[in-house]
Amino acid sequence: MSTETEPVMGLRESKKHETRQLISDHATRLFIEKGFEATTIADVAAASRVAKKTVTNYFARKEDMALDHQEEFVAGLARTVADRAVGESVLAALRREFLDGVERQDPVIGFAGERFTRMIADSPTLTARLRDLHDQREEALGRVLAGEAGTDADDFAAYAVAAQLGAAQRVLFQRIMRLTLAGRPADDIAATVADDARRVFGLLEGSFGKYGVR
């Protein structure tokens, strides 16, 4: 019985993913062309050739169509720390993963191109949502640190550490955005931010260099 239903479920999930991506792609194009605030759900539905109800079924908020990497963004720091190698500190793991992201020019850490970045910067709604996602990311990191320390989920010290480590990531994300809006080429931004990252993480070394070593 399972062998008959699994391919059907796989096809259904694949179709849902395609529809979601189609809506997100059309929405992002409209947001860039018209501005996020000026684009309506009806505009997105018409461009995607689906009903408005379909759009809202896939995306609870309009900003979710633009920031479609948000789940990966929120979970990223916590996952990096949870998966760090034996002998690696929390700070070392976060530094390694960030520098790898710079080398990949990963959109999740800010390499989104000038038009997309300007779309965010010009929208009060998207700017506010991005701040909220940074807060959620620090919260997720704090939960992992508290769990590893064997303390309560509301442990103040774990969240204080997460806030400081998250702030470094936030500053570097904003640095990438500013350089992108200034029209700097992606390769140039990557080289600059790699040096900046080493300096930023270096400033934290004295406090957190041995924190959470496995």
Protein backbone atom coordinates (compact mmCIF):
# COMPACT_ATOMS: atom_id res chain seq x y z
CA MET A 1 0.00 0.00 0.00
CA SER A 2 2.78 2.46 0.90
CA THR A 3 4.55 1.85 -2.40
CA GLU A 4 1.44 3.00 -4.26
CA THR A 5 0.80 6.18 -2.23
CA GLU A 6 4.34 7.49 -1.75
CA PRO A 7 4.89 8.55 -5.42
CA VAL A 8 1.50 10.31 -5.38
CA MET A 9 2.37 12.20 -2.20
CA GLY A 10 5.75 13.09 -3.67
CA LEU A 11 4.12 14.52 -6.78
CA ARG A 12 1.62 16.49 -4.69
CA GLU A 13 4.35 18.00 -2.53
CA SER A 14 6.42 18.81 -5.61
CA LYS A 15 3.46 20.63 -7.16
CA LYS A 16 2.87 22.61 -3.98
CA HIS A 17 6.53 23.60 -3.89
CA GLU A 18 6.41 24.71 -7.54
CA THR A 19 3.30 26.80 -6.93
CA ARG A 20 4.81 28.43 -3.87
CA GLN A 21 8.01 29.24 -5.77
CA LEU A 22 6.04 30.59 -8.73
CA ILE A 23 4.11 32.96 -6.49
CA SER A 24 7.27 34.07 -4.68
CA ASP A 25 9.12 34.70 -7.96
CA HIS A 26 6.31 36.80 -9.45
CA ALA A 27 5.85 38.67 -6.17
CA THR A 28 9.54 39.52 -5.92
CA ARG A 29 9.59 40.77 -9.50
CA LEU A 30 6.61 43.04 -8.80
CA PHE A 31 8.05 44.25 -5.51
CA ILE A 32 11.27 45.25 -7.28
CA GLU A 33 9.45 46.91 -10.20
CA LYS A 34 6.63 48.67 -8.32
CA GLY A 35 7.87 48.76 -4.74
CA PHE A 36 6.78 46.48 -1.94
CA GLU A 37 4.25 48.84 -0.38
CA ALA A 38 2.58 49.62 -3.72
CA THR A 39 2.15 45.97 -4.76
CA THR A 40 -1.07 44.26 -3.67
CA ILE A 41 -1.96 40.63 -3.12
CA ALA A 42 -4.29 40.98 -6.11
CA ASP A 43 -1.33 42.10 -8.26
CA VAL A 44 0.64 39.03 -7.21
CA ALA A 45 -2.30 36.70 -7.82
CA ALA A 46 -2.89 38.12 -11.30
CA ALA A 47 0.78 37.84 -12.26
CA SER A 48 0.92 34.27 -10.93
CA ARG A 49 -2.42 33.35 -12.54
CA VAL A 50 -3.84 32.02 -9.31
CA ALA A 51 -6.64 33.13 -6.99
CA LYS A 52 -5.96 35.59 -4.18
CA LYS A 53 -6.97 32.85 -1.75
CA THR A 54 -4.22 30.64 -3.17
CA VAL A 55 -1.63 33.34 -2.49
CA THR A 56 -2.75 33.77 1.11
CA ASN A 57 -2.90 30.02 1.62
CA TYR A 58 0.79 29.76 0.77
CA PHE A 59 1.92 33.02 2.41
CA ALA A 60 0.38 34.32 5.61
CA ARG A 61 1.97 37.74 5.15
CA LYS A 62 2.93 39.70 2.07
CA GLU A 63 6.50 40.13 3.29
CA ASP A 64 6.91 36.34 3.44
CA MET A 65 6.81 36.30 -0.37
CA ALA A 66 9.84 38.57 -0.54
CA LEU A 67 11.87 37.11 2.32
CA ASP A 68 11.49 33.51 1.27
CA HIS A 69 14.73 32.33 2.92
CA GLN A 70 13.53 33.40 6.34
CA GLU A 71 13.20 29.94 7.89
CA GLU A 72 16.76 29.10 6.90
CA PHE A 73 17.91 32.51 8.13
CA VAL A 74 16.27 32.16 11.55
CA ALA A 75 17.56 28.62 12.11
CA GLY A 76 21.05 29.15 10.69
CA LEU A 77 23.07 30.20 13.74
CA ALA A 78 21.45 27.63 16.01
CA ARG A 79 22.03 24.86 13.48
CA THR A 80 25.67 25.82 12.99
CA VAL A 81 26.28 25.71 16.74
CA ALA A 82 24.38 22.45 17.21
CA ASP A 83 26.40 20.81 14.41
CA ARG A 84 29.84 22.13 15.37
CA ALA A 85 32.77 19.74 15.43
CA VAL A 86 34.44 18.23 18.47
CA GLY A 87 37.00 20.69 19.80
CA GLU A 88 35.30 23.65 18.13
CA SER A 89 33.95 26.56 20.14
CA VAL A 90 30.65 28.29 19.46
CA LEU A 91 32.46 31.38 18.21
CA ALA A 92 34.77 29.37 15.94
CA ALA A 93 31.82 27.53 14.40
CA LEU A 94 29.94 30.75 13.69
CA ARG A 95 33.04 32.41 12.24
CA ARG A 96 33.77 29.41 10.02
CA GLU A 97 30.21 29.22 8.71
CA PHE A 98 30.00 32.96 8.07
CA LEU A 99 33.26 33.03 6.13
CA ASP A 100 32.09 30.02 4.12
CA GLY A 101 28.90 31.94 3.37
CA VAL A 102 30.92 34.94 2.22
CA GLU A 103 32.91 32.71 -0.11
CA ARG A 104 29.64 31.31 -1.53
CA GLN A 105 28.15 34.81 -1.64
CA ASP A 106 25.16 33.29 0.08
CA PRO A 107 21.92 35.33 -0.17
CA VAL A 108 20.96 34.18 3.32
CA ILE A 109 23.77 36.28 4.84
CA GLY A 110 22.98 39.29 2.66
CA PHE A 111 24.34 38.74 -0.87
CA ALA A 112 21.04 39.47 -2.59
CA GLY A 113 22.03 41.90 -5.36
CA GLU A 114 21.45 45.64 -5.57
CA ARG A 115 17.85 45.64 -6.81
CA PHE A 116 16.60 43.20 -4.20
CA THR A 117 18.54 44.91 -1.41
CA ARG A 118 17.16 48.29 -2.43
CA MET A 119 13.65 46.86 -2.41
CA ILE A 120 14.15 45.93 1.25
CA ALA A 121 15.82 49.20 2.19
CA ASP A 122 13.01 51.25 0.58
CA SER A 123 10.24 49.37 2.40
CA PRO A 124 9.48 50.17 6.05
CA THR A 125 7.54 46.89 6.28
CA LEU A 126 10.40 44.73 5.00
CA THR A 127 12.97 46.59 7.07
CA ALA A 128 10.91 45.98 10.21
CA ARG A 129 10.42 42.34 9.29
CA LEU A 130 14.15 41.88 8.79
CA ARG A 131 14.81 43.28 12.27
CA ASP A 132 12.29 40.81 13.65
CA LEU A 133 14.00 37.92 11.86
CA HIS A 134 17.35 38.93 13.37
CA ASP A 135 15.69 38.88 16.81
CA GLN A 136 14.20 35.45 16.14
CA ARG A 137 17.60 34.17 15.03
CA GLU A 138 19.23 35.30 18.28
CA GLU A 139 16.36 33.74 20.24
CA ALA A 140 16.87 30.40 18.46
CA LEU A 141 20.59 30.52 19.19
CA GLY A 142 19.90 31.29 22.85
CA ARG A 143 17.65 28.24 23.15
CA VAL A 144 20.40 25.98 21.80
CA LEU A 145 23.02 27.47 24.11
CA ALA A 146 20.73 27.11 27.13
CA GLY A 147 19.97 23.52 26.21
CA GLU A 148 23.62 22.62 25.84
CA ALA A 149 24.41 24.19 29.19
CA GLY A 150 21.69 22.08 30.77
CA THR A 151 19.92 25.16 32.07
CA ASP A 152 16.38 26.41 31.86
CA ALA A 153 15.12 27.61 28.48
CA ASP A 154 14.92 31.14 29.93
CA ASP A 155 18.51 31.12 31.18
CA PHE A 156 19.70 34.73 31.13
CA ALA A 157 23.39 34.00 30.52
CA ALA A 158 22.76 31.86 27.42
CA TYR A 159 20.61 34.55 25.86
CA ALA A 160 23.13 37.24 26.75
CA VAL A 161 25.81 35.29 24.87
CA ALA A 162 23.45 34.71 21.96
CA ALA A 163 22.66 38.42 21.77
CA GLN A 164 26.33 39.35 21.51
CA LEU A 165 27.13 36.68 18.94
CA GLY A 166 23.99 37.53 17.01
CA ALA A 167 24.87 41.22 17.05
CA ALA A 168 28.13 40.44 15.24
CA GLN A 169 26.17 38.65 12.53
CA ARG A 170 23.65 41.50 12.33
CA VAL A 171 26.39 44.12 11.89
CA LEU A 172 28.01 42.08 9.13
CA PHE A 173 24.66 41.58 7.37
CA GLN A 174 24.09 45.33 7.46
CA ARG A 175 27.62 45.89 6.15
CA ILE A 176 26.87 43.70 3.13
CA MET A 177 23.63 45.61 2.53
CA ARG A 178 25.36 49.00 2.67
CA LEU A 179 28.13 47.95 0.29
CA THR A 180 25.55 46.45 -2.07
CA LEU A 181 23.49 49.66 -2.09
CA ALA A 182 26.69 51.58 -2.81
CA GLY A 183 26.98 49.62 -6.05
CA ARG A 184 30.05 47.61 -5.14
CA PRO A 185 30.58 44.38 -7.15
CA ALA A 186 29.78 41.16 -5.31
CA ASP A 187 33.38 39.88 -5.43
CA ASP A 188 34.61 43.17 -3.98
CA ILE A 189 31.99 43.03 -1.24
CA ALA A 190 32.99 39.47 -0.40
CA ALA A 191 36.66 40.37 -0.07
CA THR A 192 35.88 43.41 2.09
CA VAL A 193 33.40 41.62 4.34
CA ALA A 194 35.71 38.63 4.84
CA ASP A 195 38.29 41.00 6.31
CA ASP A 196 35.60 42.78 8.33
CA ALA A 197 34.33 39.46 9.68
CA ARG A 198 37.76 38.41 10.88
CA ARG A 199 38.06 41.71 12.75
CA VAL A 200 34.56 41.48 14.26
CA PHE A 201 34.95 37.88 15.41
CA GLY A 202 38.46 38.71 16.61
CA LEU A 203 36.99 41.32 18.95
CA LEU A 204 34.89 38.59 20.54
CA GLU A 205 37.73 36.12 20.91
CA GLY A 206 38.77 37.25 24.36
CA SER A 207 35.28 36.77 25.77
CA PHE A 208 34.00 33.79 23.81
CA GLY A 209 37.00 32.06 22.28
CA LYS A 210 36.67 29.09 24.62
CA TYR A 211 32.92 29.25 25.15
CA GLY A 212 31.11 26.01 24.41
CA VAL A 213 34.14 24.02 23.22
CA ARG A 214 33.08 20.42 22.73
